[in-house]
Amino acid sequence: MAASHEKFNNAIGSVKIPILILDNKWHRIFGKMNPTQEIKDLEKELSELIKRQGKLVNENKDLKKIKSNLMSEIVDNIDGVDTRDSDQDVDKKLNDNKRLINDVNEKLDNNEEELKDLPREIDAVNKKLMLATMDLCYERLQSNTVEIEEIAEWVKD
């Protein structure tokens, strides 16, 4: 299989491959075949990466809302909107909000860093899945060709 992987790798080259597990054409073509364990594992890995990417995007949206709310609270406290609290309470709220904003910023940075790497990981696993799929299809084609030749020989006799 390694030699055919190399051949297929050259064939697909730098072509942009759609994410296979999300592609209806791939499911229609490949749905009738029994996938190998390698293909099942790659499908699962690709699915997990896509889920992780979606989770991080949603988490970032939530974190940005939280950060915006914290910033609004800071502005309100600085502007003296909440004058019923003592200076110590205001300082404590400001410090807590600043600490929380720093925590949110750190989490956002970590998520953004991971989100930068995920597309490369998704593409790499997707390409492996494409190569494994091509291997299986090629094997099926070879076995069908042999069967056709045997049947043709049998019919001829």
N, C-alpha and C. Protein backbone atom coordinates (compact mmCIF):
# COMPACT_ATOMS: atom_id res chain seq x y z
N MET A 1 0.80 -1.19 0.00
CA MET A 1 0.00 0.00 0.00
C MET A 1 0.84 1.26 0.00
N ALA A 2 2.03 1.21 0.56
CA ALA A 2 2.87 2.40 0.64
C ALA A 2 3.24 2.91 -0.75
N ALA A 3 3.53 1.98 -1.66
CA ALA A 3 3.88 2.38 -3.01
C ALA A 3 2.69 3.05 -3.70
N SER A 4 1.51 2.48 -3.51
CA SER A 4 0.33 3.08 -4.14
C SER A 4 -0.01 4.41 -3.47
N HIS A 5 0.25 4.52 -2.15
CA HIS A 5 0.04 5.81 -1.47
C HIS A 5 0.89 6.88 -2.14
N GLU A 6 2.13 6.52 -2.46
CA GLU A 6 3.04 7.47 -3.09
C GLU A 6 2.52 7.85 -4.48
N LYS A 7 2.05 6.85 -5.23
CA LYS A 7 1.50 7.10 -6.56
C LYS A 7 0.28 8.01 -6.47
N PHE A 8 -0.62 7.68 -5.56
CA PHE A 8 -1.83 8.47 -5.40
C PHE A 8 -1.50 9.87 -4.88
N ASN A 9 -0.51 9.95 -4.01
CA ASN A 9 -0.10 11.24 -3.46
C ASN A 9 0.36 12.15 -4.59
N ASN A 10 1.13 11.59 -5.53
CA ASN A 10 1.56 12.36 -6.69
C ASN A 10 0.36 12.76 -7.55
N ALA A 11 -0.64 11.88 -7.63
CA ALA A 11 -1.81 12.14 -8.47
C ALA A 11 -2.64 13.30 -7.93
N ILE A 12 -2.79 13.36 -6.62
CA ILE A 12 -3.62 14.44 -6.08
C ILE A 12 -2.82 15.71 -5.85
N GLY A 13 -1.50 15.56 -5.74
CA GLY A 13 -0.61 16.71 -5.62
C GLY A 13 -1.10 17.78 -4.68
N SER A 14 -1.21 18.99 -5.19
CA SER A 14 -1.62 20.12 -4.35
C SER A 14 -3.09 20.49 -4.57
N VAL A 15 -3.87 19.53 -5.06
CA VAL A 15 -5.29 19.76 -5.30
C VAL A 15 -5.99 19.98 -3.97
N LYS A 16 -6.87 20.98 -3.92
CA LYS A 16 -7.65 21.24 -2.71
C LYS A 16 -8.77 20.21 -2.63
N ILE A 17 -8.70 19.35 -1.63
CA ILE A 17 -9.67 18.28 -1.46
C ILE A 17 -10.75 18.75 -0.47
N PRO A 18 -12.03 18.61 -0.84
CA PRO A 18 -13.06 18.97 0.14
C PRO A 18 -12.98 18.01 1.33
N ILE A 19 -13.48 18.44 2.46
CA ILE A 19 -13.47 17.57 3.64
C ILE A 19 -14.38 16.39 3.33
N LEU A 20 -13.79 15.22 3.24
CA LEU A 20 -14.48 14.05 2.72
C LEU A 20 -15.70 13.65 3.54
N ILE A 21 -15.58 13.67 4.86
CA ILE A 21 -16.71 13.21 5.67
C ILE A 21 -17.91 14.16 5.59
N LEU A 22 -17.70 15.35 5.02
CA LEU A 22 -18.79 16.31 4.84
C LEU A 22 -19.26 16.36 3.38
N ASP A 23 -18.64 15.56 2.52
CA ASP A 23 -18.90 15.61 1.09
C ASP A 23 -19.90 14.52 0.68
N ASN A 24 -21.04 14.93 0.13
CA ASN A 24 -22.08 13.98 -0.29
C ASN A 24 -21.59 13.04 -1.39
N LYS A 25 -20.79 13.56 -2.31
CA LYS A 25 -20.28 12.72 -3.40
C LYS A 25 -19.44 11.57 -2.85
N TRP A 26 -18.61 11.88 -1.88
CA TRP A 26 -17.75 10.86 -1.28
C TRP A 26 -18.62 9.79 -0.61
N HIS A 27 -19.65 10.23 0.10
CA HIS A 27 -20.53 9.28 0.78
C HIS A 27 -21.30 8.42 -0.23
N ARG A 28 -21.73 9.02 -1.34
CA ARG A 28 -22.45 8.24 -2.35
C ARG A 28 -21.54 7.20 -2.99
N ILE A 29 -20.35 7.60 -3.35
CA ILE A 29 -19.41 6.68 -4.00
C ILE A 29 -18.90 5.64 -3.01
N PHE A 30 -18.54 6.10 -1.85
CA PHE A 30 -17.87 5.23 -0.89
C PHE A 30 -18.85 4.49 0.02
N GLY A 31 -20.08 4.95 0.08
CA GLY A 31 -21.05 4.37 0.99
C GLY A 31 -21.36 2.91 0.73
N LYS A 32 -21.15 2.46 -0.49
CA LYS A 32 -21.46 1.08 -0.85
C LYS A 32 -20.31 0.11 -0.56
N MET A 33 -19.17 0.64 -0.22
CA MET A 33 -18.00 -0.20 0.06
C MET A 33 -17.86 -0.41 1.55
N ASN A 34 -17.26 -1.52 1.91
CA ASN A 34 -16.95 -1.76 3.32
C ASN A 34 -15.62 -1.09 3.64
N PRO A 35 -15.64 -0.09 4.52
CA PRO A 35 -14.38 0.61 4.81
C PRO A 35 -13.42 -0.24 5.63
N THR A 36 -12.16 0.00 5.43
CA THR A 36 -11.13 -0.68 6.23
C THR A 36 -11.08 -0.02 7.60
N GLN A 37 -10.38 -0.67 8.52
CA GLN A 37 -10.24 -0.10 9.86
C GLN A 37 -9.49 1.23 9.79
N GLU A 38 -8.51 1.31 8.90
CA GLU A 38 -7.76 2.56 8.73
C GLU A 38 -8.69 3.70 8.34
N ILE A 39 -9.60 3.42 7.42
CA ILE A 39 -10.54 4.45 6.97
C ILE A 39 -11.48 4.85 8.11
N LYS A 40 -11.97 3.87 8.84
CA LYS A 40 -12.85 4.17 9.99
C LYS A 40 -12.12 5.05 11.00
N ASP A 41 -10.87 4.71 11.28
CA ASP A 41 -10.08 5.49 12.24
C ASP A 41 -9.85 6.92 11.75
N LEU A 42 -9.54 7.05 10.47
CA LEU A 42 -9.30 8.38 9.90
C LEU A 42 -10.59 9.21 9.88
N GLU A 43 -11.71 8.57 9.57
CA GLU A 43 -13.00 9.27 9.62
C GLU A 43 -13.27 9.81 11.02
N LYS A 44 -13.03 8.96 12.01
CA LYS A 44 -13.27 9.35 13.40
C LYS A 44 -12.34 10.51 13.80
N GLU A 45 -11.06 10.39 13.44
CA GLU A 45 -10.09 11.44 13.77
C GLU A 45 -10.47 12.77 13.11
N LEU A 46 -10.86 12.71 11.85
CA LEU A 46 -11.25 13.91 11.13
C LEU A 46 -12.50 14.53 11.75
N SER A 47 -13.44 13.70 12.11
CA SER A 47 -14.66 14.18 12.76
C SER A 47 -14.34 14.88 14.08
N GLU A 48 -13.43 14.30 14.86
CA GLU A 48 -13.04 14.90 16.15
C GLU A 48 -12.37 16.25 15.95
N LEU A 49 -11.52 16.35 14.92
CA LEU A 49 -10.84 17.62 14.65
C LEU A 49 -11.85 18.71 14.24
N ILE A 50 -12.82 18.33 13.43
CA ILE A 50 -13.83 19.30 12.99
C ILE A 50 -14.69 19.74 14.18
N LYS A 51 -15.04 18.78 15.03
CA LYS A 51 -15.81 19.12 16.24
C LYS A 51 -15.01 20.07 17.13
N ARG A 52 -13.72 19.79 17.29
CA ARG A 52 -12.86 20.62 18.13
C ARG A 52 -12.80 22.04 17.58
N GLN A 53 -12.68 22.15 16.27
CA GLN A 53 -12.63 23.47 15.63
C GLN A 53 -13.92 24.24 15.89
N GLY A 54 -15.05 23.59 15.72
CA GLY A 54 -16.34 24.24 15.97
C GLY A 54 -16.49 24.65 17.43
N LYS A 55 -16.04 23.78 18.32
CA LYS A 55 -16.14 24.07 19.76
C LYS A 55 -15.30 25.31 20.11
N LEU A 56 -14.10 25.38 19.55
CA LEU A 56 -13.23 26.52 19.84
C LEU A 56 -13.81 27.82 19.29
N VAL A 57 -14.39 27.77 18.11
CA VAL A 57 -15.00 28.97 17.52
C VAL A 57 -16.14 29.45 18.40
N ASN A 58 -17.00 28.53 18.84
CA ASN A 58 -18.12 28.91 19.71
C ASN A 58 -17.62 29.42 21.06
N GLU A 59 -16.60 28.76 21.59
CA GLU A 59 -16.04 29.19 22.87
C GLU A 59 -15.47 30.61 22.77
N ASN A 60 -14.81 30.90 21.65
CA ASN A 60 -14.26 32.25 21.46
C ASN A 60 -15.36 33.30 21.40
N LYS A 61 -16.47 32.97 20.74
CA LYS A 61 -17.60 33.91 20.70
C LYS A 61 -18.09 34.20 22.11
N ASP A 62 -18.25 33.14 22.90
CA ASP A 62 -18.72 33.31 24.29
C ASP A 62 -17.73 34.12 25.12
N LEU A 63 -16.44 33.83 24.95
CA LEU A 63 -15.42 34.55 25.70
C LEU A 63 -15.40 36.03 25.34
N LYS A 64 -15.60 36.34 24.07
CA LYS A 64 -15.62 37.74 23.65
C LYS A 64 -16.82 38.48 24.24
N LYS A 65 -17.96 37.79 24.37
CA LYS A 65 -19.12 38.41 25.01
C LYS A 65 -18.82 38.67 26.49
N ILE A 66 -18.22 37.69 27.14
CA ILE A 66 -17.87 37.84 28.56
C ILE A 66 -16.91 39.01 28.73
N LYS A 67 -15.91 39.07 27.86
CA LYS A 67 -14.93 40.15 27.94
C LYS A 67 -15.60 41.51 27.75
N SER A 68 -16.52 41.58 26.81
CA SER A 68 -17.24 42.83 26.56
C SER A 68 -18.04 43.25 27.79
N ASN A 69 -18.70 42.30 28.42
CA ASN A 69 -19.47 42.60 29.64
C ASN A 69 -18.55 43.08 30.76
N LEU A 70 -17.41 42.43 30.90
CA LEU A 70 -16.46 42.83 31.94
C LEU A 70 -15.94 44.24 31.68
N MET A 71 -15.65 44.54 30.41
CA MET A 71 -15.17 45.88 30.06
C MET A 71 -16.25 46.92 30.37
N SER A 72 -17.49 46.60 30.09
CA SER A 72 -18.59 47.52 30.39
C SER A 72 -18.69 47.77 31.89
N GLU A 73 -18.52 46.72 32.67
CA GLU A 73 -18.56 46.87 34.13
C GLU A 73 -17.42 47.77 34.61
N ILE A 74 -16.25 47.59 34.03
CA ILE A 74 -15.11 48.42 34.41
C ILE A 74 -15.40 49.88 34.09
N VAL A 75 -15.90 50.13 32.89
CA VAL A 75 -16.21 51.51 32.49
C VAL A 75 -17.27 52.10 33.42
N ASP A 76 -18.29 51.31 33.73
CA ASP A 76 -19.34 51.79 34.65
C ASP A 76 -18.76 52.13 36.01
N ASN A 77 -17.87 51.28 36.52
CA ASN A 77 -17.27 51.52 37.83
C ASN A 77 -16.34 52.73 37.82
N ILE A 78 -15.61 52.90 36.74
CA ILE A 78 -14.69 54.03 36.64
C ILE A 78 -15.47 55.34 36.52
N ASP A 79 -16.55 55.31 35.77
CA ASP A 79 -17.36 56.51 35.57
C ASP A 79 -18.16 56.88 36.82
N GLY A 80 -18.13 56.02 37.82
CA GLY A 80 -18.83 56.32 39.06
C GLY A 80 -20.31 56.11 38.99
N VAL A 81 -20.76 55.28 38.05
CA VAL A 81 -22.18 55.00 37.92
C VAL A 81 -22.69 54.30 39.18
N ASP A 82 -21.87 53.47 39.73
CA ASP A 82 -22.27 52.69 40.90
C ASP A 82 -21.74 53.39 42.16
N THR A 83 -22.32 54.53 42.51
CA THR A 83 -21.80 55.35 43.62
C THR A 83 -22.22 54.86 44.99
N ARG A 84 -23.10 53.90 45.05
CA ARG A 84 -23.55 53.42 46.36
C ARG A 84 -22.51 52.52 47.02
N ASP A 85 -21.52 52.06 46.26
CA ASP A 85 -20.46 51.21 46.82
C ASP A 85 -19.31 52.07 47.33
N SER A 86 -18.61 51.54 48.29
CA SER A 86 -17.44 52.25 48.82
C SER A 86 -16.28 52.13 47.83
N ASP A 87 -15.27 52.95 48.03
CA ASP A 87 -14.09 52.91 47.15
C ASP A 87 -13.43 51.55 47.18
N GLN A 88 -13.40 50.93 48.35
CA GLN A 88 -12.80 49.59 48.45
C GLN A 88 -13.57 48.59 47.61
N ASP A 89 -14.89 48.66 47.65
CA ASP A 89 -15.71 47.74 46.84
C ASP A 89 -15.47 47.97 45.35
N VAL A 90 -15.41 49.24 44.97
CA VAL A 90 -15.17 49.57 43.56
C VAL A 90 -13.80 49.06 43.13
N ASP A 91 -12.77 49.29 43.96
CA ASP A 91 -11.42 48.80 43.65
C ASP A 91 -11.40 47.28 43.54
N LYS A 92 -12.09 46.63 44.45
CA LYS A 92 -12.13 45.16 44.42
C LYS A 92 -12.79 44.67 43.13
N LYS A 93 -13.92 45.30 42.75
CA LYS A 93 -14.60 44.93 41.51
C LYS A 93 -13.69 45.17 40.30
N LEU A 94 -13.02 46.32 40.29
CA LEU A 94 -12.11 46.63 39.18
C LEU A 94 -11.00 45.60 39.08
N ASN A 95 -10.40 45.27 40.21
CA ASN A 95 -9.31 44.28 40.21
C ASN A 95 -9.81 42.90 39.78
N ASP A 96 -10.98 42.53 40.28
CA ASP A 96 -11.56 41.24 39.88
C ASP A 96 -11.83 41.21 38.38
N ASN A 97 -12.42 42.29 37.88
CA ASN A 97 -12.72 42.35 36.45
C ASN A 97 -11.44 42.35 35.61
N LYS A 98 -10.42 43.06 36.05
CA LYS A 98 -9.14 43.06 35.32
C LYS A 98 -8.54 41.66 35.30
N ARG A 99 -8.60 40.98 36.44
CA ARG A 99 -8.07 39.62 36.52
C ARG A 99 -8.85 38.69 35.58
N LEU A 100 -10.17 38.83 35.61
CA LEU A 100 -11.01 37.99 34.74
C LEU A 100 -10.74 38.29 33.26
N ILE A 101 -10.55 39.56 32.93
CA ILE A 101 -10.24 39.92 31.54
C ILE A 101 -8.90 39.31 31.13
N ASN A 102 -7.92 39.35 32.01
CA ASN A 102 -6.63 38.72 31.70
C ASN A 102 -6.79 37.22 31.48
N ASP A 103 -7.62 36.58 32.31
CA ASP A 103 -7.88 35.14 32.14
C ASP A 103 -8.56 34.87 30.80
N VAL A 104 -9.54 35.70 30.46
CA VAL A 104 -10.26 35.55 29.19
C VAL A 104 -9.29 35.77 28.02
N ASN A 105 -8.45 36.80 28.12
CA ASN A 105 -7.47 37.06 27.05
C ASN A 105 -6.52 35.89 26.86
N GLU A 106 -6.07 35.32 27.96
CA GLU A 106 -5.17 34.17 27.88
C GLU A 106 -5.86 32.99 27.20
N LYS A 107 -7.10 32.72 27.59
CA LYS A 107 -7.86 31.62 26.99
C LYS A 107 -8.11 31.89 25.51
N LEU A 108 -8.44 33.13 25.16
CA LEU A 108 -8.63 33.49 23.75
C LEU A 108 -7.35 33.28 22.95
N ASP A 109 -6.22 33.69 23.51
CA ASP A 109 -4.93 33.50 22.83
C ASP A 109 -4.66 32.02 22.60
N ASN A 110 -4.89 31.20 23.63
CA ASN A 110 -4.67 29.76 23.49
C ASN A 110 -5.58 29.16 22.42
N ASN A 111 -6.84 29.57 22.44
CA ASN A 111 -7.79 29.07 21.44
C ASN A 111 -7.39 29.50 20.03
N GLU A 112 -7.00 30.76 19.89
CA GLU A 112 -6.59 31.26 18.57
C GLU A 112 -5.37 30.50 18.05
N GLU A 113 -4.44 30.22 18.94
CA GLU A 113 -3.25 29.46 18.55
C GLU A 113 -3.64 28.07 18.05
N GLU A 114 -4.54 27.43 18.79
CA GLU A 114 -4.99 26.09 18.38
C GLU A 114 -5.79 26.17 17.08
N LEU A 115 -6.59 27.22 16.92
CA LEU A 115 -7.37 27.38 15.70
C LEU A 115 -6.49 27.62 14.47
N LYS A 116 -5.31 28.18 14.68
CA LYS A 116 -4.37 28.35 13.56
C LYS A 116 -3.85 27.01 13.07
N ASP A 117 -3.63 26.07 14.00
CA ASP A 117 -3.06 24.77 13.65
C ASP A 117 -4.10 23.78 13.13
N LEU A 118 -5.33 23.90 13.57
CA LEU A 118 -6.35 22.92 13.22
C LEU A 118 -6.58 22.76 11.71
N PRO A 119 -6.65 23.81 10.91
CA PRO A 119 -6.86 23.60 9.47
C PRO A 119 -5.77 22.73 8.83
N ARG A 120 -4.52 22.91 9.26
CA ARG A 120 -3.44 22.07 8.72
C ARG A 120 -3.64 20.62 9.14
N GLU A 121 -4.00 20.41 10.40
CA GLU A 121 -4.24 19.05 10.87
C GLU A 121 -5.42 18.42 10.13
N ILE A 122 -6.48 19.19 9.95
CA ILE A 122 -7.66 18.68 9.24
C ILE A 122 -7.29 18.32 7.81
N ASP A 123 -6.54 19.18 7.13
CA ASP A 123 -6.12 18.89 5.75
C ASP A 123 -5.25 17.64 5.68
N ALA A 124 -4.34 17.48 6.64
CA ALA A 124 -3.45 16.31 6.64
C ALA A 124 -4.24 15.02 6.83
N VAL A 125 -5.15 15.00 7.78
CA VAL A 125 -5.95 13.79 8.03
C VAL A 125 -6.89 13.54 6.85
N ASN A 126 -7.45 14.61 6.29
CA ASN A 126 -8.34 14.48 5.14
C ASN A 126 -7.58 13.88 3.95
N LYS A 127 -6.35 14.31 3.76
CA LYS A 127 -5.54 13.77 2.67
C LYS A 127 -5.23 12.29 2.91
N LYS A 128 -4.91 11.93 4.16
CA LYS A 128 -4.69 10.51 4.48
C LYS A 128 -5.94 9.69 4.19
N LEU A 129 -7.10 10.25 4.53
CA LEU A 129 -8.36 9.56 4.27
C LEU A 129 -8.59 9.40 2.77
N MET A 130 -8.26 10.42 2.01
CA MET A 130 -8.40 10.34 0.56
C MET A 130 -7.49 9.26 -0.01
N LEU A 131 -6.26 9.21 0.47
CA LEU A 131 -5.32 8.19 -0.01
C LEU A 131 -5.79 6.78 0.36
N ALA A 132 -6.29 6.62 1.58
CA ALA A 132 -6.79 5.31 2.01
C ALA A 132 -8.01 4.91 1.18
N THR A 133 -8.85 5.88 0.87
CA THR A 133 -10.03 5.62 0.04
C THR A 133 -9.61 5.23 -1.37
N MET A 134 -8.63 5.94 -1.90
CA MET A 134 -8.14 5.62 -3.24
C MET A 134 -7.53 4.23 -3.27
N ASP A 135 -6.80 3.87 -2.22
CA ASP A 135 -6.23 2.52 -2.12
C ASP A 135 -7.33 1.47 -2.18
N LEU A 136 -8.36 1.66 -1.38
CA LEU A 136 -9.45 0.69 -1.33
C LEU A 136 -10.16 0.59 -2.67
N CYS A 137 -10.43 1.73 -3.29
CA CYS A 137 -11.09 1.73 -4.60
C CYS A 137 -10.22 1.05 -5.66
N TYR A 138 -8.93 1.31 -5.61
CA TYR A 138 -8.01 0.70 -6.56
C TYR A 138 -7.97 -0.82 -6.35
N GLU A 139 -7.92 -1.26 -5.10
CA GLU A 139 -7.94 -2.70 -4.82
C GLU A 139 -9.24 -3.32 -5.34
N ARG A 140 -10.36 -2.63 -5.11
CA ARG A 140 -11.66 -3.13 -5.58
C ARG A 140 -11.67 -3.20 -7.11
N LEU A 141 -11.12 -2.19 -7.75
CA LEU A 141 -11.04 -2.17 -9.21
C LEU A 141 -10.20 -3.33 -9.72
N GLN A 142 -9.06 -3.56 -9.08
CA GLN A 142 -8.19 -4.67 -9.48
C GLN A 142 -8.91 -6.01 -9.31
N SER A 143 -9.57 -6.21 -8.18
CA SER A 143 -10.24 -7.48 -7.93
C SER A 143 -11.41 -7.67 -8.90
N ASN A 144 -12.13 -6.59 -9.21
CA ASN A 144 -13.23 -6.69 -10.19
C ASN A 144 -12.70 -7.01 -11.58
N THR A 145 -11.56 -6.44 -11.94
CA THR A 145 -10.95 -6.71 -13.24
C THR A 145 -10.59 -8.19 -13.35
N VAL A 146 -10.00 -8.73 -12.29
CA VAL A 146 -9.64 -10.16 -12.28
C VAL A 146 -10.90 -11.01 -12.41
N GLU A 147 -11.94 -10.66 -11.69
CA GLU A 147 -13.21 -11.40 -11.76
C GLU A 147 -13.79 -11.34 -13.17
N ILE A 148 -13.77 -10.18 -13.77
CA ILE A 148 -14.30 -10.01 -15.13
C ILE A 148 -13.52 -10.88 -16.10
N GLU A 149 -12.20 -10.89 -15.97
CA GLU A 149 -11.38 -11.72 -16.86
C GLU A 149 -11.68 -13.19 -16.66
N GLU A 150 -11.86 -13.63 -15.42
CA GLU A 150 -12.18 -15.03 -15.14
C GLU A 150 -13.54 -15.40 -15.72
N ILE A 151 -14.51 -14.53 -15.57
CA ILE A 151 -15.85 -14.79 -16.10
C ILE A 151 -15.81 -14.80 -17.63
N ALA A 152 -15.07 -13.87 -18.22
CA ALA A 152 -14.95 -13.83 -19.68
C ALA A 152 -14.30 -15.10 -20.19
N GLU A 153 -13.30 -15.58 -19.47
CA GLU A 153 -12.62 -16.83 -19.85
C GLU A 153 -13.58 -18.01 -19.73
N TRP A 154 -14.38 -18.02 -18.66
CA TRP A 154 -15.34 -19.11 -18.44
C TRP A 154 -16.42 -19.10 -19.53
N VAL A 155 -16.89 -17.89 -19.92
CA VAL A 155 -17.91 -17.78 -20.95
C VAL A 155 -17.34 -18.22 -22.29
N LYS A 156 -16.09 -17.89 -22.55
CA LYS A 156 -15.45 -18.25 -23.81
C LYS A 156 -15.35 -19.77 -23.95
N ASP A 157 -15.08 -20.46 -22.85
CA ASP A 157 -14.92 -21.92 -22.90
C ASP A 157 -16.27 -22.54 -22.96
